[in-house]
């Protein structure tokens, strides 16, 4: 059995599936500054915070994220989770926020949802860390893994914007509704957004299900495979 068949079985699709080859920007600044001497954004007035973050290089951005206290999520976290992967990646995958294992280890998508994401990547000949960067809409774990509140995603939005500016990916993949709504700054329904090409400041953006959702809703794995094929076609068309 081929590696592709193994991967598709992991996705719950079986070997019959084969890959066929043929937002307006709106930043709401958080109310408090970043209290860290490691970051040039430290001790700035709130209205200057987004502008300061937009000037950070990777190392300073990572330090600013890890020391951020701009929203209430910092109070219960063990550590912030900036992101992981190839900083020259063509593919950017954005999830909702860290879970318990991510909060423990400091890396996004390391639990069961992370294993499924790795299988999804492998299904289109990708792998974590190789031309792929993975981040989240919020960088600290929401208590009980609840959906992030608007003020929490707003506080992290400048960080995600800067990550995208530094990466300059060829494709952004929003994993789940919170990530899609953060990136597009508008209300989104996954069922209506799937299979469409959106635009983030000139970068193609597509929307699919979050792997954690797919673990709870196995029949939708087939739809996720369709989305993966759509992503690959978009990339091949560039």
C-alpha atoms as a PDB file:
ATOM      1  CA  UNK A   1       0.000   0.000   0.000  1.00  0.00           C
ATOM      2  CA  UNK A   2       1.309   3.459  -0.892  1.00  0.00           C
ATOM      3  CA  UNK A   3       2.081   6.255   1.557  1.00  0.00           C
ATOM      4  CA  UNK A   4      -0.823   8.219   0.051  1.00  0.00           C
ATOM      5  CA  UNK A   5      -3.235   5.359   0.850  1.00  0.00           C
ATOM      6  CA  UNK A   6      -1.933   5.242   4.438  1.00  0.00           C
ATOM      7  CA  UNK A   7      -2.514   8.981   4.824  1.00  0.00           C
ATOM      8  CA  UNK A   8      -5.999   8.891   3.346  1.00  0.00           C
ATOM      9  CA  UNK A   9      -6.944   6.000   5.635  1.00  0.00           C
ATOM     10  CA  UNK A  10      -5.811   8.186   8.560  1.00  0.00           C
ATOM     11  CA  UNK A  11      -8.156  10.870   7.284  1.00  0.00           C
ATOM     12  CA  UNK A  12     -10.927   8.290   7.257  1.00  0.00           C
ATOM     13  CA  UNK A  13     -11.340   8.495   3.480  1.00  0.00           C
ATOM     14  CA  UNK A  14      -9.880   5.193   2.294  1.00  0.00           C
ATOM     15  CA  UNK A  15      -7.702   4.601  -0.753  1.00  0.00           C
ATOM     16  CA  UNK A  16     -10.377   5.470  -3.318  1.00  0.00           C
ATOM     17  CA  UNK A  17      -9.611   9.180  -2.969  1.00  0.00           C
ATOM     18  CA  UNK A  18      -6.920  10.609  -5.234  1.00  0.00           C
ATOM     19  CA  UNK A  19      -5.605  14.118  -5.603  1.00  0.00           C
ATOM     20  CA  UNK A  20      -6.733  15.493  -8.953  1.00  0.00           C
ATOM     21  CA  UNK A  21      -4.285  17.834 -10.601  1.00  0.00           C
ATOM     22  CA  UNK A  22      -5.689  19.336 -13.748  1.00  0.00           C
ATOM     23  CA  UNK A  23      -9.674  41.220   3.841  1.00  0.00           C
ATOM     24  CA  UNK A  24     -10.182  44.584   4.474  1.00  0.00           C
ATOM     25  CA  UNK A  25      -7.724  45.447   7.244  1.00  0.00           C
ATOM     26  CA  UNK A  26      -9.212  46.499  10.565  1.00  0.00           C
ATOM     27  CA  UNK A  27      -7.118  46.627  13.726  1.00  0.00           C
ATOM     28  CA  UNK A  28      -8.573  47.105  17.196  1.00  0.00           C
ATOM     29  CA  UNK A  29      -5.702  47.938  19.509  1.00  0.00           C
ATOM     30  CA  UNK A  30      -5.625  46.246  22.903  1.00  0.00           C
ATOM     31  CA  UNK A  31      -6.024  48.373  25.988  1.00  0.00           C
ATOM     32  CA  UNK A  32      -2.662  47.618  27.586  1.00  0.00           C
ATOM     33  CA  UNK A  33       0.912  47.683  26.280  1.00  0.00           C
ATOM     34  CA  UNK A  34       3.412  44.831  26.182  1.00  0.00           C
ATOM     35  CA  UNK A  35       5.428  45.040  29.414  1.00  0.00           C
ATOM     36  CA  UNK A  36       8.683  43.572  28.165  1.00  0.00           C
ATOM     37  CA  UNK A  37      12.039  45.206  27.604  1.00  0.00           C
ATOM     38  CA  UNK A  38      12.746  42.502  25.016  1.00  0.00           C
ATOM     39  CA  UNK A  39      10.308  44.086  22.611  1.00  0.00           C
ATOM     40  CA  UNK A  40      10.366  47.578  21.051  1.00  0.00           C
ATOM     41  CA  UNK A  41       6.606  47.619  21.647  1.00  0.00           C
ATOM     42  CA  UNK A  42       7.139  47.778  25.406  1.00  0.00           C
ATOM     43  CA  UNK A  43       5.526  50.591  27.375  1.00  0.00           C
ATOM     44  CA  UNK A  44       3.876  52.208  24.352  1.00  0.00           C
ATOM     45  CA  UNK A  45       0.475  53.898  24.483  1.00  0.00           C
ATOM     46  CA  UNK A  46      -2.306  51.618  23.291  1.00  0.00           C
ATOM     47  CA  UNK A  47      -2.828  53.511  20.033  1.00  0.00           C
ATOM     48  CA  UNK A  48       0.838  52.970  19.106  1.00  0.00           C
ATOM     49  CA  UNK A  49       0.868  49.248  19.878  1.00  0.00           C
ATOM     50  CA  UNK A  50      -0.216  47.947  16.473  1.00  0.00           C
ATOM     51  CA  UNK A  51       2.185  50.254  14.659  1.00  0.00           C
ATOM     52  CA  UNK A  52       5.065  49.126  16.856  1.00  0.00           C
ATOM     53  CA  UNK A  53       4.299  45.426  16.386  1.00  0.00           C
ATOM     54  CA  UNK A  54       4.223  46.004  12.628  1.00  0.00           C
ATOM     55  CA  UNK A  55       7.944  46.891  12.772  1.00  0.00           C
ATOM     56  CA  UNK A  56       9.152  43.788  14.628  1.00  0.00           C
ATOM     57  CA  UNK A  57      11.503  41.173  13.186  1.00  0.00           C
ATOM     58  CA  UNK A  58      10.877  37.483  13.922  1.00  0.00           C
ATOM     59  CA  UNK A  59      12.866  37.254  17.165  1.00  0.00           C
ATOM     60  CA  UNK A  60      11.384  40.418  18.645  1.00  0.00           C
ATOM     61  CA  UNK A  61       7.912  39.393  17.529  1.00  0.00           C
ATOM     62  CA  UNK A  62       8.300  36.033  19.256  1.00  0.00           C
ATOM     63  CA  UNK A  63       9.453  37.771  22.447  1.00  0.00           C
ATOM     64  CA  UNK A  64       6.559  40.239  22.302  1.00  0.00           C
ATOM     65  CA  UNK A  65       4.021  37.430  21.943  1.00  0.00           C
ATOM     66  CA  UNK A  66       5.491  35.437  24.796  1.00  0.00           C
ATOM     67  CA  UNK A  67       5.465  38.438  27.153  1.00  0.00           C
ATOM     68  CA  UNK A  68       2.102  39.882  26.081  1.00  0.00           C
ATOM     69  CA  UNK A  69      -0.471  40.820  28.727  1.00  0.00           C
ATOM     70  CA  UNK A  70      -2.818  42.730  26.416  1.00  0.00           C
ATOM     71  CA  UNK A  71      -5.882  40.612  27.252  1.00  0.00           C
ATOM     72  CA  UNK A  72      -7.134  38.372  30.037  1.00  0.00           C
ATOM     73  CA  UNK A  73      -5.905  35.162  28.401  1.00  0.00           C
ATOM     74  CA  UNK A  74      -2.418  35.799  29.767  1.00  0.00           C
ATOM     75  CA  UNK A  75      -3.632  35.171  33.333  1.00  0.00           C
ATOM     76  CA  UNK A  76      -4.231  31.425  33.007  1.00  0.00           C
ATOM     77  CA  UNK A  77      -1.677  30.459  30.373  1.00  0.00           C
ATOM     78  CA  UNK A  78       1.422  28.420  31.060  1.00  0.00           C
ATOM     79  CA  UNK A  79       3.034  29.982  28.019  1.00  0.00           C
ATOM     80  CA  UNK A  80       2.076  31.791  24.859  1.00  0.00           C
ATOM     81  CA  UNK A  81       2.256  29.869  21.581  1.00  0.00           C
ATOM     82  CA  UNK A  82       3.566  32.129  18.785  1.00  0.00           C
ATOM     83  CA  UNK A  83       3.698  29.643  15.891  1.00  0.00           C
ATOM     84  CA  UNK A  84       5.974  27.081  14.287  1.00  0.00           C
ATOM     85  CA  UNK A  85       7.415  26.204  10.924  1.00  0.00           C
ATOM     86  CA  UNK A  86       9.337  27.497   7.945  1.00  0.00           C
ATOM     87  CA  UNK A  87       9.618  31.289   8.053  1.00  0.00           C
ATOM     88  CA  UNK A  88       9.977  31.283   4.262  1.00  0.00           C
ATOM     89  CA  UNK A  89       6.893  29.109   3.770  1.00  0.00           C
ATOM     90  CA  UNK A  90       4.508  29.410   0.838  1.00  0.00           C
ATOM     91  CA  UNK A  91       1.707  27.843   2.922  1.00  0.00           C
ATOM     92  CA  UNK A  92       0.298  29.411   6.090  1.00  0.00           C
ATOM     93  CA  UNK A  93      -2.263  27.503   8.170  1.00  0.00           C
ATOM     94  CA  UNK A  94      -4.074  29.490  10.864  1.00  0.00           C
ATOM     95  CA  UNK A  95      -6.099  27.845  13.616  1.00  0.00           C
ATOM     96  CA  UNK A  96      -8.196  29.165  16.455  1.00  0.00           C
ATOM     97  CA  UNK A  97      -5.983  29.030  19.542  1.00  0.00           C
ATOM     98  CA  UNK A  98      -3.803  26.739  21.659  1.00  0.00           C
ATOM     99  CA  UNK A  99      -5.290  23.819  23.575  1.00  0.00           C
ATOM    100  CA  UNK A 100      -4.034  22.177  26.738  1.00  0.00           C
ATOM    101  CA  UNK A 101      -1.151  20.291  25.105  1.00  0.00           C
ATOM    102  CA  UNK A 102      -0.138  23.339  23.075  1.00  0.00           C
ATOM    103  CA  UNK A 103      -0.150  25.463  26.239  1.00  0.00           C
ATOM    104  CA  UNK A 104       2.066  22.849  27.893  1.00  0.00           C
ATOM    105  CA  UNK A 105       4.558  22.476  25.036  1.00  0.00           C
ATOM    106  CA  UNK A 106       4.499  25.916  23.426  1.00  0.00           C
ATOM    107  CA  UNK A 107       3.778  24.647  19.903  1.00  0.00           C
ATOM    108  CA  UNK A 108       0.496  24.773  17.955  1.00  0.00           C
ATOM    109  CA  UNK A 109      -1.361  21.621  16.892  1.00  0.00           C
ATOM    110  CA  UNK A 110       0.473  18.974  18.907  1.00  0.00           C
ATOM    111  CA  UNK A 111      -2.509  16.938  20.200  1.00  0.00           C
ATOM    112  CA  UNK A 112      -4.931  14.703  18.299  1.00  0.00           C
ATOM    113  CA  UNK A 113      -6.017  17.629  16.134  1.00  0.00           C
ATOM    114  CA  UNK A 114      -2.360  18.203  15.319  1.00  0.00           C
ATOM    115  CA  UNK A 115      -1.939  14.595  14.218  1.00  0.00           C
ATOM    116  CA  UNK A 116      -4.919  14.961  11.927  1.00  0.00           C
ATOM    117  CA  UNK A 117      -3.534  18.232  10.548  1.00  0.00           C
ATOM    118  CA  UNK A 118      -0.239  16.480   9.805  1.00  0.00           C
ATOM    119  CA  UNK A 119      -2.185  13.775   7.938  1.00  0.00           C
ATOM    120  CA  UNK A 120      -4.072  16.437   5.983  1.00  0.00           C
ATOM    121  CA  UNK A 121      -0.780  18.068   5.019  1.00  0.00           C
ATOM    122  CA  UNK A 122       0.695  14.748   3.962  1.00  0.00           C
ATOM    123  CA  UNK A 123      -2.344  14.075   1.769  1.00  0.00           C
ATOM    124  CA  UNK A 124      -1.273  16.998  -0.459  1.00  0.00           C
ATOM    125  CA  UNK A 125       2.449  16.262  -0.221  1.00  0.00           C
ATOM    126  CA  UNK A 126       3.227  18.752   2.545  1.00  0.00           C
ATOM    127  CA  UNK A 127       4.712  18.339   5.983  1.00  0.00           C
ATOM    128  CA  UNK A 128       5.065  20.455   9.071  1.00  0.00           C
ATOM    129  CA  UNK A 129       8.101  22.707   8.989  1.00  0.00           C
ATOM    130  CA  UNK A 130       8.816  22.229   5.279  1.00  0.00           C
ATOM    131  CA  UNK A 131       7.364  25.131   3.287  1.00  0.00           C
ATOM    132  CA  UNK A 132       4.586  25.255   5.900  1.00  0.00           C
ATOM    133  CA  UNK A 133       4.029  27.661   8.797  1.00  0.00           C
ATOM    134  CA  UNK A 134       1.344  27.071  11.440  1.00  0.00           C
ATOM    135  CA  UNK A 135      -0.085  29.785  13.694  1.00  0.00           C
ATOM    136  CA  UNK A 136      -3.249  30.605  15.619  1.00  0.00           C
ATOM    137  CA  UNK A 137      -5.607  33.563  15.762  1.00  0.00           C
ATOM    138  CA  UNK A 138      -4.922  33.875  19.502  1.00  0.00           C
ATOM    139  CA  UNK A 139      -1.595  32.966  21.026  1.00  0.00           C
ATOM    140  CA  UNK A 140      -2.739  31.978  24.527  1.00  0.00           C
ATOM    141  CA  UNK A 141      -5.092  29.171  25.493  1.00  0.00           C
ATOM    142  CA  UNK A 142      -8.696  30.233  26.174  1.00  0.00           C
ATOM    143  CA  UNK A 143      -9.887  28.644  29.456  1.00  0.00           C
ATOM    144  CA  UNK A 144     -11.563  25.316  28.833  1.00  0.00           C
ATOM    145  CA  UNK A 145     -10.637  25.586  25.148  1.00  0.00           C
ATOM    146  CA  UNK A 146     -13.612  27.879  24.599  1.00  0.00           C
ATOM    147  CA  UNK A 147     -13.928  30.051  21.503  1.00  0.00           C
ATOM    148  CA  UNK A 148     -11.857  33.245  21.861  1.00  0.00           C
ATOM    149  CA  UNK A 149     -13.777  36.415  22.656  1.00  0.00           C
ATOM    150  CA  UNK A 150     -13.673  39.332  20.175  1.00  0.00           C
ATOM    151  CA  UNK A 151     -11.468  41.430  22.449  1.00  0.00           C
ATOM    152  CA  UNK A 152      -9.021  38.516  22.713  1.00  0.00           C
ATOM    153  CA  UNK A 153      -8.701  38.030  18.957  1.00  0.00           C
ATOM    154  CA  UNK A 154      -8.416  41.819  18.590  1.00  0.00           C
ATOM    155  CA  UNK A 155      -5.480  41.881  21.025  1.00  0.00           C
ATOM    156  CA  UNK A 156      -3.643  39.183  19.040  1.00  0.00           C
ATOM    157  CA  UNK A 157      -4.614  40.477  15.592  1.00  0.00           C
ATOM    158  CA  UNK A 158      -1.538  42.738  15.194  1.00  0.00           C
ATOM    159  CA  UNK A 159       0.689  39.737  15.968  1.00  0.00           C
ATOM    160  CA  UNK A 160      -0.957  37.595  13.291  1.00  0.00           C
ATOM    161  CA  UNK A 161      -0.825  40.457  10.813  1.00  0.00           C
ATOM    162  CA  UNK A 162       2.901  40.851  11.391  1.00  0.00           C
ATOM    163  CA  UNK A 163       3.496  37.120  11.007  1.00  0.00           C
ATOM    164  CA  UNK A 164       1.757  37.237   7.628  1.00  0.00           C
ATOM    165  CA  UNK A 165       3.726  40.327   6.577  1.00  0.00           C
ATOM    166  CA  UNK A 166       7.003  38.607   7.461  1.00  0.00           C
ATOM    167  CA  UNK A 167       6.063  35.310   5.836  1.00  0.00           C
ATOM    168  CA  UNK A 168       4.485  36.685   2.660  1.00  0.00           C
ATOM    169  CA  UNK A 169       2.930  33.264   1.952  1.00  0.00           C
ATOM    170  CA  UNK A 170       1.418  32.313  -1.378  1.00  0.00           C
ATOM    171  CA  UNK A 171      -1.676  30.849   0.290  1.00  0.00           C
ATOM    172  CA  UNK A 172      -3.381  31.284   3.670  1.00  0.00           C
ATOM    173  CA  UNK A 173      -5.609  28.487   4.965  1.00  0.00           C
ATOM    174  CA  UNK A 174      -8.067  29.417   7.719  1.00  0.00           C
ATOM    175  CA  UNK A 175      -8.831  26.371   9.857  1.00  0.00           C
ATOM    176  CA  UNK A 176     -12.286  26.910  11.316  1.00  0.00           C
ATOM    177  CA  UNK A 177     -14.667  29.797  11.729  1.00  0.00           C
ATOM    178  CA  UNK A 178     -12.818  31.879  14.387  1.00  0.00           C
ATOM    179  CA  UNK A 179      -9.639  31.901  12.306  1.00  0.00           C
ATOM    180  CA  UNK A 180     -11.561  32.765   9.142  1.00  0.00           C
ATOM    181  CA  UNK A 181     -13.446  35.605  10.825  1.00  0.00           C
ATOM    182  CA  UNK A 182     -10.240  37.001  12.294  1.00  0.00           C
ATOM    183  CA  UNK A 183      -8.405  36.954   8.974  1.00  0.00           C
ATOM    184  CA  UNK A 184     -11.293  38.336   6.936  1.00  0.00           C
ATOM    185  CA  UNK A 185     -12.589  40.674   9.658  1.00  0.00           C
ATOM    186  CA  UNK A 186     -16.168  39.665   8.877  1.00  0.00           C
ATOM    187  CA  UNK A 187     -18.811  37.081   9.784  1.00  0.00           C
ATOM    188  CA  UNK A 188     -18.189  33.753   8.050  1.00  0.00           C
ATOM    189  CA  UNK A 189     -20.052  30.463   7.793  1.00  0.00           C
ATOM    190  CA  UNK A 190     -17.785  27.556   6.930  1.00  0.00           C
ATOM    191  CA  UNK A 191     -20.427  25.831   4.797  1.00  0.00           C
ATOM    192  CA  UNK A 192     -20.796  28.931   2.619  1.00  0.00           C
ATOM    193  CA  UNK A 193     -17.084  29.837   2.561  1.00  0.00           C
ATOM    194  CA  UNK A 194     -15.672  26.462   1.513  1.00  0.00           C
ATOM    195  CA  UNK A 195     -14.496  26.173  -2.067  1.00  0.00           C
ATOM    196  CA  UNK A 196     -14.152  29.928  -2.517  1.00  0.00           C
ATOM    197  CA  UNK A 197     -11.046  32.029  -2.973  1.00  0.00           C
ATOM    198  CA  UNK A 198     -10.901  34.993  -0.606  1.00  0.00           C
ATOM    199  CA  UNK A 199      -8.255  37.688  -0.501  1.00  0.00           C
ATOM    200  CA  UNK A 200      -6.082  38.913   2.347  1.00  0.00           C
ATOM    201  CA  UNK A 201      -4.199  41.994   1.156  1.00  0.00           C
ATOM    202  CA  UNK A 202      -3.473  40.382  -2.188  1.00  0.00           C
ATOM    203  CA  UNK A 203      -2.816  36.874  -0.813  1.00  0.00           C
ATOM    204  CA  UNK A 204      -5.292  34.101  -1.717  1.00  0.00           C
ATOM    205  CA  UNK A 205      -7.113  32.752   1.331  1.00  0.00           C
ATOM    206  CA  UNK A 206      -9.272  29.652   1.626  1.00  0.00           C
ATOM    207  CA  UNK A 207     -11.439  28.363   4.456  1.00  0.00           C
ATOM    208  CA  UNK A 208     -11.842  24.795   5.688  1.00  0.00           C
ATOM    209  CA  UNK A 209     -12.764  22.915   8.838  1.00  0.00           C
ATOM    210  CA  UNK A 210     -10.621  22.907  11.947  1.00  0.00           C
ATOM    211  CA  UNK A 211      -9.099  19.448  12.559  1.00  0.00           C
ATOM    212  CA  UNK A 212     -10.661  19.334  16.044  1.00  0.00           C
ATOM    213  CA  UNK A 213     -14.084  19.742  14.416  1.00  0.00           C
ATOM    214  CA  UNK A 214     -13.323  16.902  12.008  1.00  0.00           C
ATOM    215  CA  UNK A 215     -12.467  14.612  14.923  1.00  0.00           C
ATOM    216  CA  UNK A 216     -16.000  15.194  16.235  1.00  0.00           C
ATOM    217  CA  UNK A 217     -17.719  15.125  12.843  1.00  0.00           C
ATOM    218  CA  UNK A 218     -16.168  12.299  10.866  1.00  0.00           C
ATOM    219  CA  UNK A 219     -18.454  12.512   7.792  1.00  0.00           C
ATOM    220  CA  UNK A 220     -17.102  15.999   7.039  1.00  0.00           C
ATOM    221  CA  UNK A 221     -13.612  14.586   6.456  1.00  0.00           C
ATOM    222  CA  UNK A 222     -14.684  13.977   2.857  1.00  0.00           C
ATOM    223  CA  UNK A 223     -15.452  17.694   2.512  1.00  0.00           C
ATOM    224  CA  UNK A 224     -12.077  18.507   4.029  1.00  0.00           C
ATOM    225  CA  UNK A 225     -10.426  16.395   1.356  1.00  0.00           C
ATOM    226  CA  UNK A 226     -12.264  18.400  -1.310  1.00  0.00           C
ATOM    227  CA  UNK A 227     -10.900  21.548   0.317  1.00  0.00           C
ATOM    228  CA  UNK A 228      -7.364  20.164   0.268  1.00  0.00           C
ATOM    229  CA  UNK A 229      -7.673  19.452  -3.455  1.00  0.00           C
ATOM    230  CA  UNK A 230      -8.967  22.991  -3.985  1.00  0.00           C
ATOM    231  CA  UNK A 231      -5.965  24.417  -2.119  1.00  0.00           C
ATOM    232  CA  UNK A 232      -3.534  22.439  -4.220  1.00  0.00           C
ATOM    233  CA  UNK A 233      -5.198  23.564  -7.465  1.00  0.00           C
ATOM    234  CA  UNK A 234      -4.968  27.191  -6.344  1.00  0.00           C
ATOM    235  CA  UNK A 235      -1.270  26.837  -5.623  1.00  0.00           C
ATOM    236  CA  UNK A 236      -0.571  25.094  -8.898  1.00  0.00           C
ATOM    237  CA  UNK A 237      -2.395  27.844 -10.756  1.00  0.00           C
ATOM    238  CA  UNK A 238      -0.123  30.590  -9.417  1.00  0.00           C
END
